[in-house]
Amino acid sequence: MSKIPVIVNGCLGKMGREAVKAVNEAEDLDLVASLDFEDDLRGRLAENSGSVVVDFTH
């Protein structure tokens, strides 16, 4: 069974760090990118294809 590719946006905040941790611990999920405010969102999304984007920005 293939893993679900996940991108976490807002990875440096408290909830973003927890999301990254949860994805890394899940056997059926694959963290393909973790982004924060300094990252070029459009460019990183073009480079990394994810089926799920978790957004913990405000």
N, C-alpha and C. Protein backbone atom coordinates (compact mmCIF):
# COMPACT_ATOMS: atom_id res chain seq x y z
N MET A 1 0.84 -1.17 0.00
CA MET A 1 0.00 0.00 0.00
C MET A 1 0.89 1.24 0.00
N SER A 2 0.62 2.17 -0.89
CA SER A 2 1.45 3.36 -0.97
C SER A 2 1.06 4.37 0.10
N LYS A 3 2.05 5.13 0.52
CA LYS A 3 1.82 6.15 1.54
C LYS A 3 1.19 7.40 0.93
N ILE A 4 0.42 8.11 1.72
CA ILE A 4 -0.23 9.35 1.29
C ILE A 4 0.77 10.49 1.47
N PRO A 5 1.10 11.22 0.38
CA PRO A 5 2.04 12.33 0.51
C PRO A 5 1.37 13.54 1.16
N VAL A 6 2.06 14.11 2.17
CA VAL A 6 1.51 15.21 2.96
C VAL A 6 2.49 16.38 2.97
N ILE A 7 1.95 17.59 2.85
CA ILE A 7 2.71 18.83 2.99
C ILE A 7 2.17 19.55 4.22
N VAL A 8 3.07 20.00 5.10
CA VAL A 8 2.65 20.78 6.27
C VAL A 8 3.13 22.21 6.08
N ASN A 9 2.19 23.15 6.06
CA ASN A 9 2.50 24.57 5.95
C ASN A 9 2.35 25.20 7.33
N GLY A 10 3.35 25.95 7.75
CA GLY A 10 3.35 26.50 9.10
C GLY A 10 4.04 25.57 10.07
N CYS A 11 5.10 24.92 9.60
CA CYS A 11 5.75 23.84 10.36
C CYS A 11 6.54 24.30 11.58
N LEU A 12 6.81 25.59 11.71
CA LEU A 12 7.63 26.04 12.84
C LEU A 12 6.81 26.46 14.06
N GLY A 13 5.51 26.59 13.89
CA GLY A 13 4.65 26.92 15.02
C GLY A 13 4.38 25.70 15.88
N LYS A 14 3.74 25.92 17.01
CA LYS A 14 3.47 24.83 17.95
C LYS A 14 2.63 23.73 17.30
N MET A 15 1.53 24.08 16.68
CA MET A 15 0.66 23.08 16.05
C MET A 15 1.31 22.48 14.81
N GLY A 16 2.05 23.29 14.06
CA GLY A 16 2.75 22.78 12.88
C GLY A 16 3.78 21.73 13.24
N ARG A 17 4.52 21.97 14.32
CA ARG A 17 5.51 20.98 14.79
C ARG A 17 4.82 19.68 15.19
N GLU A 18 3.66 19.79 15.82
CA GLU A 18 2.91 18.59 16.21
C GLU A 18 2.40 17.85 14.97
N ALA A 19 1.98 18.60 13.96
CA ALA A 19 1.51 17.98 12.71
C ALA A 19 2.64 17.22 12.03
N VAL A 20 3.82 17.84 11.96
CA VAL A 20 4.99 17.18 11.36
C VAL A 20 5.32 15.90 12.13
N LYS A 21 5.30 15.99 13.44
CA LYS A 21 5.58 14.82 14.28
C LYS A 21 4.56 13.70 14.02
N ALA A 22 3.29 14.06 13.96
CA ALA A 22 2.23 13.06 13.73
C ALA A 22 2.37 12.40 12.36
N VAL A 23 2.67 13.20 11.34
CA VAL A 23 2.83 12.64 10.00
C VAL A 23 4.04 11.70 9.97
N ASN A 24 5.13 12.12 10.58
CA ASN A 24 6.33 11.27 10.61
C ASN A 24 6.11 9.96 11.35
N GLU A 25 5.24 9.97 12.35
CA GLU A 25 4.98 8.76 13.13
C GLU A 25 3.95 7.84 12.48
N ALA A 26 3.17 8.36 11.56
CA ALA A 26 2.12 7.56 10.91
C ALA A 26 2.73 6.66 9.84
N GLU A 27 2.36 5.41 9.85
CA GLU A 27 2.91 4.46 8.89
C GLU A 27 2.36 4.65 7.48
N ASP A 28 1.18 5.25 7.35
CA ASP A 28 0.55 5.38 6.04
C ASP A 28 0.70 6.77 5.44
N LEU A 29 1.49 7.65 6.08
CA LEU A 29 1.69 9.01 5.59
C LEU A 29 3.16 9.25 5.29
N ASP A 30 3.43 10.11 4.29
CA ASP A 30 4.79 10.45 3.89
C ASP A 30 4.91 11.97 3.85
N LEU A 31 5.72 12.55 4.72
CA LEU A 31 5.93 13.99 4.73
C LEU A 31 6.83 14.35 3.56
N VAL A 32 6.27 15.01 2.54
CA VAL A 32 7.05 15.36 1.35
C VAL A 32 7.58 16.78 1.41
N ALA A 33 6.99 17.63 2.28
CA ALA A 33 7.49 19.00 2.45
C ALA A 33 6.94 19.59 3.73
N SER A 34 7.76 20.40 4.37
CA SER A 34 7.31 21.19 5.51
C SER A 34 7.75 22.63 5.25
N LEU A 35 6.81 23.53 5.30
CA LEU A 35 7.03 24.92 4.89
C LEU A 35 6.73 25.88 6.02
N ASP A 36 7.38 27.05 5.98
CA ASP A 36 7.03 28.12 6.90
C ASP A 36 7.17 29.46 6.17
N PHE A 37 7.06 30.55 6.90
CA PHE A 37 6.93 31.87 6.29
C PHE A 37 8.11 32.27 5.41
N GLU A 38 9.28 31.74 5.63
CA GLU A 38 10.44 32.09 4.82
C GLU A 38 10.49 31.33 3.49
N ASP A 39 9.70 30.29 3.36
CA ASP A 39 9.71 29.47 2.15
C ASP A 39 8.86 30.09 1.05
N ASP A 40 9.25 29.83 -0.19
CA ASP A 40 8.47 30.22 -1.36
C ASP A 40 7.38 29.18 -1.55
N LEU A 41 6.19 29.48 -1.08
CA LEU A 41 5.09 28.51 -1.08
C LEU A 41 4.81 27.98 -2.47
N ARG A 42 4.65 28.86 -3.43
CA ARG A 42 4.32 28.44 -4.80
C ARG A 42 5.41 27.55 -5.38
N GLY A 43 6.66 27.94 -5.19
CA GLY A 43 7.77 27.15 -5.72
C GLY A 43 7.88 25.78 -5.06
N ARG A 44 7.73 25.75 -3.74
CA ARG A 44 7.83 24.47 -3.02
C ARG A 44 6.68 23.54 -3.36
N LEU A 45 5.48 24.11 -3.55
CA LEU A 45 4.35 23.27 -3.94
C LEU A 45 4.54 22.71 -5.34
N ALA A 46 5.18 23.48 -6.22
CA ALA A 46 5.45 23.00 -7.58
C ALA A 46 6.46 21.85 -7.55
N GLU A 47 7.41 21.91 -6.61
CA GLU A 47 8.44 20.88 -6.50
C GLU A 47 7.94 19.60 -5.83
N ASN A 48 6.99 19.74 -4.91
CA ASN A 48 6.54 18.61 -4.09
C ASN A 48 5.05 18.40 -4.27
N SER A 49 4.70 17.24 -4.76
CA SER A 49 3.30 16.92 -4.96
C SER A 49 2.75 16.21 -3.74
N GLY A 50 1.74 16.81 -3.13
CA GLY A 50 1.12 16.20 -1.96
C GLY A 50 -0.36 16.01 -2.20
N SER A 51 -0.90 14.92 -1.70
CA SER A 51 -2.35 14.69 -1.78
C SER A 51 -3.07 15.47 -0.70
N VAL A 52 -2.34 15.79 0.38
CA VAL A 52 -2.92 16.50 1.52
C VAL A 52 -2.00 17.67 1.88
N VAL A 53 -2.61 18.84 2.11
CA VAL A 53 -1.87 19.99 2.63
C VAL A 53 -2.50 20.35 3.97
N VAL A 54 -1.69 20.32 5.02
CA VAL A 54 -2.13 20.74 6.35
C VAL A 54 -1.60 22.15 6.55
N ASP A 55 -2.51 23.11 6.80
CA ASP A 55 -2.11 24.52 6.89
C ASP A 55 -2.34 25.04 8.31
N PHE A 56 -1.25 25.35 8.99
CA PHE A 56 -1.32 25.93 10.33
C PHE A 56 -0.74 27.34 10.31
N THR A 57 -1.13 28.12 9.33
CA THR A 57 -0.76 29.54 9.28
C THR A 57 -1.99 30.34 9.68
N HIS A 58 -1.78 31.61 9.89
CA HIS A 58 -2.94 32.46 10.21
C HIS A 58 -2.93 33.71 9.40
